[in-house]
Amino acid sequence: MKAAVVRERPFEFIKRKGSQEAYPQQTVANWYIARAYVLDLLKDVAFQPGMPGHLHVVIDGDSPLLLSVVRQLALSSHFLNFVEYDDFGTRVCRNRTVITVISAREAADILSELNKEEYLCNLLQICKHSVFGKAYNEDSYLDLDIEIAREQSDSDAVIVTEAGVNAFVAGKPADEIFSIDTRKALYASHAYMLGGVIDNLPHEDIFGAGRYSQALDTFRYLLFNDTEDRTLITPKWESNPVAVRNGISDIMCTDCFEIREKAVVMQYPKGGKISEKARRAIWEQNNYALSLSEHSRWVVEKLIMGFRPYSIVERNKYETVFDKERSQYSGQLKKDAADPAHLDLCSYWDLRRTDPDNLKYDSFLMLAIPLILGKVRQ
């Protein structure tokens, strides 16, 4: 059964940390504009695992609209050729996406602006960045490099101007800009209904599609036999910030599905119809790169949405409690409205040691991308 298109306006529900104060209408409008513009900008960008090179985007200015574009680029520009560690266990972080912001402001002023909640929030605490040539967090595990400069010097960079963004908006129906088709996000949220099935999988060989065959078959059945019309936004969104954050997270995650699909499909055999078995095999071959990219994207999203990593004191306490007390403690930190913290804000390498259960969710969701996109395209 063909899925009905569901267009919703979820960004209006995003509130400031702690106070739950609504953002100004223009800020929310800028987020919608930036999202539509960036997803269109990236629609033909793809890097296969092992491919050299990276995307470099130069933002020519620092207006509120252009800083919203910086925010969206940080949320969406995550590619499969990013390498966190080499074969010898050395952190190399090759092929980071580079975002250059051209600004005439003083360093402290532009940093203060970028660090506002409506833009990058906590991202620059972790992310590699430079301010007029002075570098920070050079050993960051994230797949982004944000530069603040007086002028651009890369002739191969993609240039973004405010006039160009406004021209893009003028050429689109308002509904395409200021509302979002949330079907992919809604279907991705269904993946977490299979929590029990995935939790029971062993940690070994977490990237093999065979490990997830039962979960994928169950997910396919649920997905393609679901005839109910649902919306991502529910009554809980009015009073529950956690529900809002989870829904927004699903949107930001699934916004990258087509980018990842393009990189994987580039590896399909030329000509002829690919079999289901061959398709599964190719997605499995790419699952480590997909999962690594998804974790980096997720960390960036959480930092932008106001989360921070555990402090040393918090991590020590977490490691000295167990079972229900441990889950209660981590839940308490995640739900802190004023200053939420998350255990998994760390490198993918470290995550394999500290919280291997969550690796399986990334792997499963990446393997489910073709199913979700197939449902949307019915």
Protein backbone atom coordinates (compact mmCIF):
# COMPACT_ATOMS: atom_id res chain seq x y z
CA MET A 1 0.00 0.00 0.00
CA LYS A 2 1.40 3.40 -1.01
CA ALA A 3 2.39 5.51 1.97
CA ALA A 4 0.54 8.80 2.19
CA VAL A 5 2.82 11.83 2.23
CA VAL A 6 2.91 13.40 5.68
CA ARG A 7 4.17 16.97 5.87
CA GLU A 8 4.68 18.44 9.34
CA ARG A 9 6.29 21.45 11.04
CA PRO A 10 8.42 19.96 13.82
CA PHE A 11 11.01 22.72 14.30
CA GLU A 12 8.51 24.93 16.09
CA PHE A 13 8.62 22.46 18.99
CA ILE A 14 12.36 22.87 19.61
CA LYS A 15 12.86 24.86 22.82
CA ARG A 16 15.84 26.40 24.56
CA LYS A 17 17.54 24.26 27.18
CA GLY A 18 16.27 24.54 30.72
CA SER A 19 13.82 27.39 30.22
CA GLN A 20 11.79 25.66 27.46
CA GLU A 21 11.54 29.09 25.83
CA ALA A 22 10.47 29.06 22.18
CA TYR A 23 12.91 30.31 19.56
CA PRO A 24 12.02 33.42 17.52
CA GLN A 25 9.98 32.75 14.40
CA GLN A 26 12.79 33.98 12.16
CA THR A 27 15.25 31.52 13.72
CA VAL A 28 12.85 28.65 13.09
CA ALA A 29 12.27 29.88 9.53
CA ASN A 30 16.04 29.98 8.96
CA TRP A 31 16.33 26.35 10.10
CA TYR A 32 13.72 25.26 7.55
CA ILE A 33 15.36 27.27 4.78
CA ALA A 34 18.84 25.99 5.64
CA ARG A 35 17.64 22.38 5.73
CA ALA A 36 15.96 22.56 2.33
CA TYR A 37 18.92 24.38 0.79
CA VAL A 38 21.62 22.07 2.18
CA LEU A 39 19.82 18.84 1.30
CA ASP A 40 19.49 20.13 -2.26
CA LEU A 41 23.16 21.18 -2.27
CA LEU A 42 24.28 17.71 -1.15
CA LYS A 43 21.95 15.65 -3.34
CA ASP A 44 24.70 14.79 -5.86
CA VAL A 45 27.60 14.50 -3.38
CA ALA A 46 28.83 11.01 -2.56
CA PHE A 47 32.08 9.42 -1.41
CA GLN A 48 32.54 5.65 -1.38
CA PRO A 49 34.56 3.98 1.39
CA GLY A 50 38.24 4.20 0.50
CA MET A 51 37.75 7.11 -1.87
CA PRO A 52 40.11 10.07 -1.35
CA GLY A 53 38.86 13.64 -1.11
CA HIS A 54 36.36 15.61 0.90
CA LEU A 55 33.64 18.21 0.56
CA HIS A 56 34.65 21.83 1.18
CA VAL A 57 31.92 24.45 1.48
CA VAL A 58 32.68 28.15 1.93
CA ILE A 59 29.98 30.26 3.60
CA ASP A 60 30.45 33.81 2.35
CA GLY A 61 29.19 35.74 5.38
CA ASP A 62 27.97 35.32 8.92
CA SER A 63 24.35 36.47 8.88
CA PRO A 64 21.78 34.51 10.92
CA LEU A 65 20.58 32.76 7.76
CA LEU A 66 24.10 31.76 6.70
CA LEU A 67 25.01 30.57 10.20
CA SER A 68 21.88 28.39 10.04
CA VAL A 69 23.32 26.95 6.82
CA VAL A 70 26.56 26.22 8.72
CA ARG A 71 24.48 24.40 11.33
CA GLN A 72 22.68 22.32 8.73
CA LEU A 73 25.88 21.49 6.87
CA ALA A 74 27.33 20.22 10.14
CA LEU A 75 24.21 18.08 10.67
CA SER A 76 24.13 16.62 7.15
CA SER A 77 27.65 16.45 5.66
CA HIS A 78 28.78 12.99 6.76
CA PHE A 79 30.29 10.68 4.17
CA LEU A 80 31.41 7.06 3.90
CA ASN A 81 35.08 7.74 3.11
CA PHE A 82 35.80 9.19 6.56
CA VAL A 83 38.56 7.20 8.29
CA GLU A 84 38.78 7.55 12.07
CA TYR A 85 41.64 5.10 12.76
CA ASP A 86 44.10 3.49 10.36
CA ASP A 87 44.95 -0.21 10.27
CA PHE A 88 47.61 0.30 12.95
CA GLY A 89 45.21 1.83 15.50
CA THR A 90 46.39 5.41 14.97
CA ARG A 91 43.77 8.13 14.91
CA VAL A 92 44.06 9.82 11.51
CA CYS A 93 40.56 11.26 10.84
CA ARG A 94 41.07 11.53 7.10
CA ASN A 95 38.61 13.12 4.68
CA ARG A 96 36.82 15.42 7.10
CA THR A 97 34.18 17.71 5.60
CA VAL A 98 35.52 21.28 5.70
CA ILE A 99 33.15 24.19 6.35
CA THR A 100 34.72 27.65 6.04
CA VAL A 101 32.91 30.70 7.41
CA ILE A 102 34.07 34.04 5.99
CA SER A 103 33.69 36.69 8.68
CA ALA A 104 34.92 40.23 9.32
CA ARG A 105 34.08 40.03 13.04
CA GLU A 106 36.55 39.75 15.86
CA ALA A 107 37.39 36.19 16.90
CA ALA A 108 35.58 36.33 20.24
CA ASP A 109 32.48 37.80 18.60
CA ILE A 110 32.07 35.22 15.84
CA LEU A 111 32.84 32.35 18.22
CA SER A 112 30.24 33.65 20.67
CA GLU A 113 27.70 33.79 17.86
CA LEU A 114 28.45 30.29 16.56
CA ASN A 115 28.24 28.86 20.08
CA LYS A 116 24.66 30.05 20.54
CA GLU A 117 22.06 27.31 20.97
CA GLU A 118 20.40 28.16 17.65
CA TYR A 119 23.63 27.47 15.73
CA LEU A 120 26.40 25.07 16.84
CA CYS A 121 25.83 25.08 20.62
CA ASN A 122 28.35 22.59 22.09
CA LEU A 123 29.87 21.38 18.80
CA LEU A 124 33.04 23.47 18.86
CA GLN A 125 33.95 22.07 22.28
CA ILE A 126 34.72 18.77 20.52
CA CYS A 127 35.00 19.49 16.79
CA LYS A 128 38.27 20.37 15.02
CA HIS A 129 38.13 24.06 14.12
CA SER A 130 40.33 27.05 13.48
CA VAL A 131 39.84 30.77 14.02
CA PHE A 132 41.81 33.01 11.67
CA GLY A 133 44.56 30.39 11.44
CA LYS A 134 44.69 29.29 15.09
CA ALA A 135 43.70 25.62 15.37
CA TYR A 136 41.73 23.90 18.14
CA ASN A 137 40.82 20.25 18.85
CA GLU A 138 43.10 19.03 16.05
CA ASP A 139 42.83 15.45 17.37
CA SER A 140 39.02 15.47 17.37
CA TYR A 141 37.39 12.17 16.39
CA LEU A 142 34.59 13.93 14.48
CA ASP A 143 34.42 14.04 10.67
CA LEU A 144 34.12 17.85 10.48
CA ASP A 145 36.63 20.69 10.27
CA ILE A 146 35.15 24.17 10.72
CA GLU A 147 37.28 27.16 9.70
CA ILE A 148 36.66 30.82 10.42
CA ALA A 149 38.60 32.95 7.97
CA ARG A 150 38.83 36.44 6.47
CA GLU A 151 38.81 35.15 2.89
CA GLN A 152 38.53 31.90 1.01
CA SER A 153 41.50 30.38 -0.78
CA ASP A 154 40.19 27.06 -2.17
CA SER A 155 39.19 27.43 -5.81
CA ASP A 156 37.50 24.00 -5.74
CA ALA A 157 35.23 24.82 -2.80
CA VAL A 158 31.47 25.15 -3.09
CA ILE A 159 30.56 28.79 -2.38
CA VAL A 160 27.35 29.64 -0.51
CA THR A 161 26.05 33.21 -0.47
CA GLU A 162 22.95 34.69 1.12
CA ALA A 163 21.74 35.79 -2.33
CA GLY A 164 22.08 32.20 -3.54
CA VAL A 165 20.10 30.81 -0.60
CA ASN A 166 17.36 33.41 -1.10
CA ALA A 167 17.21 32.63 -4.84
CA PHE A 168 16.78 28.95 -4.01
CA VAL A 169 13.89 29.73 -1.65
CA ALA A 170 12.23 32.00 -4.20
CA GLY A 171 12.15 29.14 -6.71
CA LYS A 172 10.40 26.67 -4.42
CA PRO A 173 6.82 26.38 -3.13
CA ALA A 174 6.63 27.53 0.48
CA ASP A 175 5.32 24.13 1.60
CA GLU A 176 8.50 22.43 0.32
CA ILE A 177 10.62 24.76 2.43
CA PHE A 178 8.61 25.30 5.61
CA SER A 179 7.28 21.80 6.22
CA ILE A 180 8.94 18.38 6.23
CA ASP A 181 7.90 15.02 4.84
CA THR A 182 8.38 13.04 8.05
CA ARG A 183 7.65 9.55 6.73
CA LYS A 184 11.28 8.39 6.75
CA ALA A 185 11.70 9.64 10.31
CA LEU A 186 8.50 7.90 11.38
CA TYR A 187 9.60 4.60 9.84
CA ALA A 188 13.08 4.89 11.37
CA SER A 189 11.47 5.35 14.78
CA HIS A 190 9.75 1.99 14.23
CA ALA A 191 13.18 0.34 14.24
CA TYR A 192 13.39 0.90 17.98
CA MET A 193 10.25 -1.20 18.42
CA LEU A 194 12.55 -4.15 17.66
CA GLY A 195 14.69 -3.39 20.70
CA GLY A 196 14.25 -6.82 22.25
CA VAL A 197 15.21 -8.60 19.03
CA ILE A 198 18.34 -6.47 18.57
CA ASP A 199 19.36 -6.54 22.25
CA ASN A 200 19.49 -10.33 22.12
CA LEU A 201 22.06 -10.31 19.31
CA PRO A 202 25.65 -11.04 20.38
CA HIS A 203 28.30 -8.33 20.11
CA GLU A 204 30.44 -10.37 17.69
CA ASP A 205 30.27 -9.59 13.97
CA ILE A 206 27.93 -6.66 14.53
CA PHE A 207 28.37 -5.45 10.93
CA GLY A 208 27.27 -8.68 9.23
CA ALA A 209 23.81 -8.55 7.66
CA GLY A 210 23.30 -12.17 8.63
CA ARG A 211 23.21 -11.16 12.28
CA TYR A 212 20.20 -8.96 11.56
CA SER A 213 18.30 -11.18 9.12
CA GLN A 214 15.49 -11.95 11.60
CA ALA A 215 15.24 -8.31 12.71
CA LEU A 216 15.31 -7.07 9.10
CA ASP A 217 12.63 -9.55 8.01
CA THR A 218 10.47 -8.55 10.98
CA PHE A 219 11.02 -4.88 10.22
CA ARG A 220 10.16 -5.42 6.54
CA TYR A 221 6.91 -7.17 7.49
CA LEU A 222 5.91 -4.42 9.93
CA LEU A 223 6.88 -1.70 7.49
CA PHE A 224 5.09 -2.96 4.41
CA ASN A 225 2.00 -4.21 6.24
CA ASP A 226 1.46 -0.99 8.18
CA THR A 227 -1.67 0.66 6.78
CA GLU A 228 -2.27 3.18 9.56
CA ASP A 229 -1.84 6.88 8.88
CA ARG A 230 0.47 8.23 11.59
CA THR A 231 2.31 11.45 12.25
CA LEU A 232 5.71 11.98 13.82
CA ILE A 233 4.37 14.81 15.98
CA THR A 234 2.15 13.45 18.76
CA PRO A 235 0.36 15.11 21.71
CA LYS A 236 3.45 14.26 23.83
CA TRP A 237 5.41 16.90 21.94
CA GLU A 238 3.47 19.67 23.68
CA SER A 239 4.86 18.84 27.11
CA ASN A 240 7.65 16.32 26.72
CA PRO A 241 11.05 17.70 25.57
CA VAL A 242 12.46 14.16 25.31
CA ALA A 243 9.78 13.17 22.79
CA VAL A 244 10.61 16.29 20.76
CA ARG A 245 14.35 15.58 20.84
CA ASN A 246 13.80 11.97 19.76
CA GLY A 247 11.57 12.99 16.86
CA ILE A 248 13.94 15.72 15.68
CA SER A 249 16.79 13.21 15.93
CA ASP A 250 14.89 10.81 13.65
CA ILE A 251 14.50 13.59 11.08
CA MET A 252 18.16 14.54 11.16
CA CYS A 253 19.21 10.90 10.89
CA THR A 254 16.99 10.08 7.92
CA ASP A 255 17.90 13.30 6.10
CA CYS A 256 21.21 11.55 5.34
CA PHE A 257 19.69 8.37 3.91
CA GLU A 258 19.77 9.42 0.26
CA ILE A 259 23.37 10.66 0.57
CA ARG A 260 24.41 7.27 1.93
CA GLU A 261 22.33 5.36 -0.58
CA LYS A 262 24.04 7.19 -3.43
CA ALA A 263 27.49 6.13 -2.19
CA VAL A 264 26.39 2.49 -1.86
CA VAL A 265 24.45 2.35 -5.15
CA MET A 266 27.56 3.56 -6.99
CA GLN A 267 28.93 0.08 -6.24
CA TYR A 268 26.00 -1.84 -7.76
CA PRO A 269 26.80 -3.80 -10.94
CA LYS A 270 26.17 -1.76 -14.07
CA GLY A 271 23.11 -2.77 -16.06
CA GLY A 272 20.41 -5.26 -15.18
CA LYS A 273 18.31 -5.58 -12.04
CA ILE A 274 20.23 -6.35 -8.88
CA SER A 275 18.98 -9.29 -6.84
CA GLU A 276 17.88 -8.92 -3.24
CA LYS A 277 20.76 -11.16 -2.16
CA ALA A 278 23.35 -9.07 -4.04
CA ARG A 279 21.87 -5.82 -2.72
CA ARG A 280 22.04 -7.07 0.85
CA ALA A 281 25.64 -8.17 0.32
CA ILE A 282 26.72 -4.72 -0.93
CA TRP A 283 25.03 -2.93 1.96
CA GLU A 284 26.69 -5.38 4.34
CA GLN A 285 30.10 -4.69 2.78
CA ASN A 286 29.57 -1.00 3.50
CA ASN A 287 28.07 -1.42 6.96
CA TYR A 288 31.18 -0.52 8.94
CA ALA A 289 31.63 2.74 6.99
CA LEU A 290 27.90 3.45 7.23
CA SER A 291 27.86 2.85 10.99
CA LEU A 292 30.98 4.93 11.60
CA SER A 293 29.49 7.79 9.58
CA GLU A 294 26.18 7.50 11.43
CA HIS A 295 27.87 7.63 14.82
CA SER A 296 29.81 10.76 13.87
CA ARG A 297 26.61 12.34 12.53
CA TRP A 298 24.75 11.40 15.70
CA VAL A 299 27.45 12.92 17.95
CA VAL A 300 27.37 16.17 15.96
CA GLU A 301 23.58 16.26 16.18
CA LYS A 302 23.57 15.71 19.93
CA LEU A 303 26.19 18.43 20.52
CA ILE A 304 24.23 20.89 18.38
CA MET A 305 21.04 19.97 20.23
CA GLY A 306 22.66 20.85 23.55
CA PHE A 307 24.08 17.58 24.88
CA ARG A 308 27.60 17.24 26.26
CA PRO A 309 29.88 14.29 27.04
CA TYR A 310 30.15 12.91 30.57
CA SER A 311 32.59 14.66 32.87
CA ILE A 312 35.32 12.55 34.47
CA VAL A 313 33.34 12.53 37.73
CA GLU A 314 30.15 11.39 35.97
CA ARG A 315 31.96 8.68 34.02
CA ASN A 316 33.61 7.37 37.18
CA LYS A 317 30.27 7.20 38.96
CA TYR A 318 28.67 5.47 35.97
CA GLU A 319 31.40 2.82 36.04
CA THR A 320 30.94 2.13 39.76
CA VAL A 321 27.19 1.41 39.67
CA PHE A 322 25.46 -1.49 37.91
CA ASP A 323 22.22 -2.79 36.39
CA LYS A 324 19.14 -0.73 37.25
CA GLU A 325 21.10 1.88 39.18
CA ARG A 326 23.39 2.41 36.19
CA SER A 327 20.52 2.84 33.73
CA GLN A 328 18.73 5.19 36.11
CA TYR A 329 21.86 7.31 36.45
CA SER A 330 22.44 7.55 32.70
CA GLY A 331 18.76 8.32 32.16
CA GLN A 332 18.88 11.09 34.74
CA LEU A 333 21.84 12.72 32.95
CA LYS A 334 20.18 12.44 29.53
CA LYS A 335 16.92 13.98 30.73
CA ASP A 336 18.49 16.97 32.49
CA ALA A 337 16.63 19.77 30.70
CA ALA A 338 19.23 22.44 31.43
CA ASP A 339 22.42 20.46 30.78
CA PRO A 340 21.83 17.00 29.25
CA ALA A 341 24.80 14.62 29.03
CA HIS A 342 25.16 11.38 27.08
CA LEU A 343 27.51 8.45 27.66
CA ASP A 344 27.94 7.75 23.94
CA LEU A 345 29.38 11.15 23.01
CA CYS A 346 32.77 9.64 22.25
CA SER A 347 34.67 8.21 19.31
CA TYR A 348 33.36 5.11 17.57
CA TRP A 349 36.55 3.36 18.66
CA ASP A 350 35.79 4.10 22.33
CA LEU A 351 32.10 3.28 21.95
CA ARG A 352 32.99 -0.31 21.07
CA ARG A 353 34.43 -0.59 24.56
CA THR A 354 32.06 1.55 26.66
CA ASP A 355 28.62 0.81 25.18
CA PRO A 356 28.75 -1.96 22.54
CA ASP A 357 24.99 -2.58 22.72
CA ASN A 358 24.30 0.69 20.93
CA LEU A 359 26.58 -0.23 18.04
CA LYS A 360 24.01 -2.81 17.00
CA TYR A 361 21.30 -0.17 16.59
CA ASP A 362 23.46 1.86 14.22
CA SER A 363 24.30 -1.25 12.19
CA PHE A 364 20.69 -2.38 12.01
CA LEU A 365 19.37 1.04 11.03
CA MET A 366 21.97 1.43 8.27
CA LEU A 367 21.00 -1.96 6.83
CA ALA A 368 17.34 -0.92 7.00
CA ILE A 369 17.87 2.19 4.82
CA PRO A 370 16.84 0.44 1.56
CA LEU A 371 13.65 -0.83 3.21
CA ILE A 372 12.68 2.61 4.51
CA LEU A 373 13.44 4.35 1.21
CA GLY A 374 11.55 1.61 -0.63
CA LYS A 375 8.50 2.18 1.54
CA VAL A 376 8.60 5.95 0.93
CA ARG A 377 8.95 5.43 -2.83
CA GLN A 378 6.11 2.94 -3.21
